[in-house]
C-alpha atoms as a PDB file:
ATOM      1  CA  MET A   1      16.831  15.927   9.268  1.00  0.00           C
ATOM      2  CA  VAL A   2      13.278  17.309   7.930  1.00  0.00           C
ATOM      3  CA  GLU A   3      13.836  19.682   5.290  1.00  0.00           C
ATOM      4  CA  THR A   4      11.651  22.639   6.162  1.00  0.00           C
ATOM      5  CA  ILE A   5      10.981  25.218   3.935  1.00  0.00           C
ATOM      6  CA  ASN A   6      12.600  28.633   4.484  1.00  0.00           C
ATOM      7  CA  PHE A   7      12.053  31.816   2.438  1.00  0.00           C
ATOM      8  CA  ARG A   8      12.993  33.930   5.223  1.00  0.00           C
ATOM      9  CA  GLU A   9      16.748  34.188   3.903  1.00  0.00           C
ATOM     10  CA  PHE A  10      16.345  33.163   0.196  1.00  0.00           C
ATOM     11  CA  TYR A  11      17.497  35.424  -2.549  1.00  0.00           C
ATOM     12  CA  GLN A  12      17.057  33.921  -6.214  1.00  0.00           C
ATOM     13  CA  LYS A  13      18.548  35.451  -9.184  1.00  0.00           C
ATOM     14  CA  LYS A  14      16.279  35.846 -12.476  1.00  0.00           C
ATOM     15  CA  PRO A  15      15.664  32.434 -14.254  1.00  0.00           C
ATOM     16  CA  ILE A  16      18.329  31.668 -17.240  1.00  0.00           C
ATOM     17  CA  PRO A  17      16.920  29.670 -19.594  1.00  0.00           C
ATOM     18  CA  ILE A  18      17.633  26.263 -20.537  1.00  0.00           C
ATOM     19  CA  HIS A  19      19.948  25.884 -23.168  1.00  0.00           C
ATOM     20  CA  PRO A  20      20.513  23.359 -26.134  1.00  0.00           C
ATOM     21  CA  ASN A  21      23.673  21.873 -24.601  1.00  0.00           C
ATOM     22  CA  ASP A  22      22.176  21.240 -21.260  1.00  0.00           C
ATOM     23  CA  ARG A  23      19.122  20.401 -22.073  1.00  0.00           C
ATOM     24  CA  LEU A  24      20.462  17.283 -24.142  1.00  0.00           C
ATOM     25  CA  ALA A  25      22.611  16.281 -21.469  1.00  0.00           C
ATOM     26  CA  ILE A  26      18.696  16.618 -19.596  1.00  0.00           C
ATOM     27  CA  GLN A  27      17.271  14.131 -21.646  1.00  0.00           C
ATOM     28  CA  ASN A  28      20.019  11.752 -21.174  1.00  0.00           C
ATOM     29  CA  GLU A  29      19.865  11.479 -17.739  1.00  0.00           C
ATOM     30  CA  SER A  30      16.463   8.870 -16.831  1.00  0.00           C
ATOM     31  CA  ASN A  31      15.978  10.340 -13.218  1.00  0.00           C
ATOM     32  CA  CYS A  32      15.925  14.359 -14.549  1.00  0.00           C
ATOM     33  CA  VAL A  33      13.843  13.776 -17.509  1.00  0.00           C
ATOM     34  CA  ASP A  34      10.622  13.701 -15.274  1.00  0.00           C
ATOM     35  CA  ILE A  35      11.302  16.576 -12.878  1.00  0.00           C
ATOM     36  CA  PHE A  36      11.466  18.856 -16.529  1.00  0.00           C
ATOM     37  CA  GLN A  37       9.264  17.714 -18.349  1.00  0.00           C
ATOM     38  CA  HIS A  38       7.707  21.326 -17.794  1.00  0.00           C
ATOM     39  CA  PHE A  39      10.479  23.600 -16.987  1.00  0.00           C
ATOM     40  CA  THR A  40      12.687  26.241 -19.495  1.00  0.00           C
ATOM     41  CA  HIS A  41      14.647  27.853 -17.061  1.00  0.00           C
ATOM     42  CA  TRP A  42      17.107  27.043 -13.953  1.00  0.00           C
ATOM     43  CA  LEU A  43      16.626  29.256 -10.966  1.00  0.00           C
ATOM     44  CA  ILE A  44      19.827  29.828  -9.228  1.00  0.00           C
ATOM     45  CA  ALA A  45      19.576  30.728  -5.505  1.00  0.00           C
ATOM     46  CA  LEU A  46      21.056  31.680  -2.010  1.00  0.00           C
ATOM     47  CA  GLU A  47      19.488  30.540   0.760  1.00  0.00           C
ATOM     48  CA  GLY A  48      20.091  31.221   4.390  1.00  0.00           C
ATOM     49  CA  ASN A  49      19.560  28.672   7.996  1.00  0.00           C
ATOM     50  CA  GLU A  50      20.425  30.981  11.367  1.00  0.00           C
ATOM     51  CA  PHE A  51      21.802  27.916  12.526  1.00  0.00           C
ATOM     52  CA  THR A  52      22.822  29.565  16.084  1.00  0.00           C
ATOM     53  CA  ARG A  53      21.605  33.220  17.461  1.00  0.00           C
ATOM     54  CA  GLY A  54      23.628  35.380  14.911  1.00  0.00           C
ATOM     55  CA  GLN A  55      24.824  33.534  12.807  1.00  0.00           C
ATOM     56  CA  CYS A  56      23.774  32.308   9.322  1.00  0.00           C
ATOM     57  CA  GLN A  57      25.835  29.462   6.772  1.00  0.00           C
ATOM     58  CA  TRP A  58      24.451  29.634   3.006  1.00  0.00           C
ATOM     59  CA  ARG A  59      23.937  26.937   0.169  1.00  0.00           C
ATOM     60  CA  VAL A  60      23.608  27.654  -2.941  1.00  0.00           C
ATOM     61  CA  LEU A  61      20.542  25.814  -4.583  1.00  0.00           C
ATOM     62  CA  ILE A  62      19.525  25.435  -8.120  1.00  0.00           C
ATOM     63  CA  TYR A  63      15.934  24.625  -9.557  1.00  0.00           C
ATOM     64  CA  PRO A  64      14.641  24.087 -12.920  1.00  0.00           C
ATOM     65  CA  SER A  65      12.007  26.574 -13.157  1.00  0.00           C
ATOM     66  CA  ASP A  66       9.431  28.008 -15.770  1.00  0.00           C
ATOM     67  CA  GLU A  67      10.223  31.548 -17.775  1.00  0.00           C
ATOM     68  CA  GLY A  68       8.485  33.660 -14.723  1.00  0.00           C
ATOM     69  CA  GLY A  69      10.581  31.935 -11.986  1.00  0.00           C
ATOM     70  CA  GLY A  70       8.494  29.343 -10.796  1.00  0.00           C
ATOM     71  CA  PHE A  71       9.346  26.366  -9.033  1.00  0.00           C
ATOM     72  CA  ASN A  72       9.188  23.554  -7.027  1.00  0.00           C
ATOM     73  CA  TYR A  73      10.739  24.231  -3.272  1.00  0.00           C
ATOM     74  CA  TRP A  74      11.092  20.485  -2.774  1.00  0.00           C
ATOM     75  CA  LEU A  75      12.852  19.413  -6.109  1.00  0.00           C
ATOM     76  CA  PRO A  76      16.273  20.959  -6.583  1.00  0.00           C
ATOM     77  CA  PHE A  77      18.291  20.322  -9.139  1.00  0.00           C
ATOM     78  CA  PHE A  78      21.255  20.796  -7.335  1.00  0.00           C
ATOM     79  CA  ARG A  79      22.517  22.162  -3.974  1.00  0.00           C
ATOM     80  CA  THR A  80      25.565  22.983  -2.171  1.00  0.00           C
ATOM     81  CA  SER A  81      26.648  21.356   1.077  1.00  0.00           C
ATOM     82  CA  TYR A  82      26.289  24.550   3.317  1.00  0.00           C
ATOM     83  CA  LEU A  83      29.021  27.508   3.669  1.00  0.00           C
ATOM     84  CA  ALA A  84      30.425  29.360   6.705  1.00  0.00           C
ATOM     85  CA  SER A  85      30.420  32.715   4.368  1.00  0.00           C
ATOM     86  CA  PHE A  86      27.727  34.358   2.138  1.00  0.00           C
ATOM     87  CA  HIS A  87      30.664  35.804   0.452  1.00  0.00           C
ATOM     88  CA  GLU A  88      32.007  32.266  -0.656  1.00  0.00           C
ATOM     89  CA  ALA A  89      28.008  31.641  -1.239  1.00  0.00           C
ATOM     90  CA  LEU A  90      27.544  34.185  -3.465  1.00  0.00           C
ATOM     91  CA  GLU A  91      31.109  33.060  -5.476  1.00  0.00           C
ATOM     92  CA  ILE A  92      29.548  29.917  -6.525  1.00  0.00           C
ATOM     93  CA  LEU A  93      26.317  31.468  -7.452  1.00  0.00           C
ATOM     94  CA  LYS A  94      27.835  33.385  -9.708  1.00  0.00           C
ATOM     95  CA  GLU A  95      30.181  30.659 -10.925  1.00  0.00           C
ATOM     96  CA  PHE A  96      27.257  28.535 -11.762  1.00  0.00           C
ATOM     97  CA  GLU A  97      25.208  31.308 -13.135  1.00  0.00           C
ATOM     98  CA  SER A  98      28.029  31.947 -15.893  1.00  0.00           C
ATOM     99  CA  LYS A  99      28.001  28.119 -16.435  1.00  0.00           C
ATOM    100  CA  ALA A 100      24.174  28.536 -16.995  1.00  0.00           C
ATOM    101  CA  ASN A 101      24.487  31.254 -19.197  1.00  0.00           C
ATOM    102  CA  GLN A 102      27.574  29.351 -21.489  1.00  0.00           C
ATOM    103  CA  ASP A 103      25.519  25.997 -21.408  1.00  0.00           C
ATOM    104  CA  GLN A 104      27.561  24.203 -19.161  1.00  0.00           C
ATOM    105  CA  LEU A 105      25.665  23.928 -16.013  1.00  0.00           C
ATOM    106  CA  MET A 106      24.717  20.292 -16.725  1.00  0.00           C
ATOM    107  CA  THR A 107      29.013  20.111 -16.373  1.00  0.00           C
ATOM    108  CA  ILE A 108      29.196  20.597 -12.871  1.00  0.00           C
ATOM    109  CA  GLN A 109      29.514  17.761 -10.219  1.00  0.00           C
ATOM    110  CA  ARG A 110      26.676  17.132  -8.292  1.00  0.00           C
END
């Protein structure tokens, strides 16, 4: 399946600084170091995808970003599978947001 850019149903939160423990964990993962080289924040977002007329499925995406929210759409750090419920996706987003604020986002299972 080819990934397409979808900003029609894309709702991002204010970027959250990457705190020291998460930064250290990133530096210990060789596949993450280059992606995060110029980024200082997490950008957490909900993305909706209309799979049948009038029905959306939702997923949570986490991107490395700069302070102003600039990010590379093609390089998400993490994304959930699509969920049938907006409310379920929103609860997961809140959990990830809490972990990022507590300097524990790198502890999520990817």
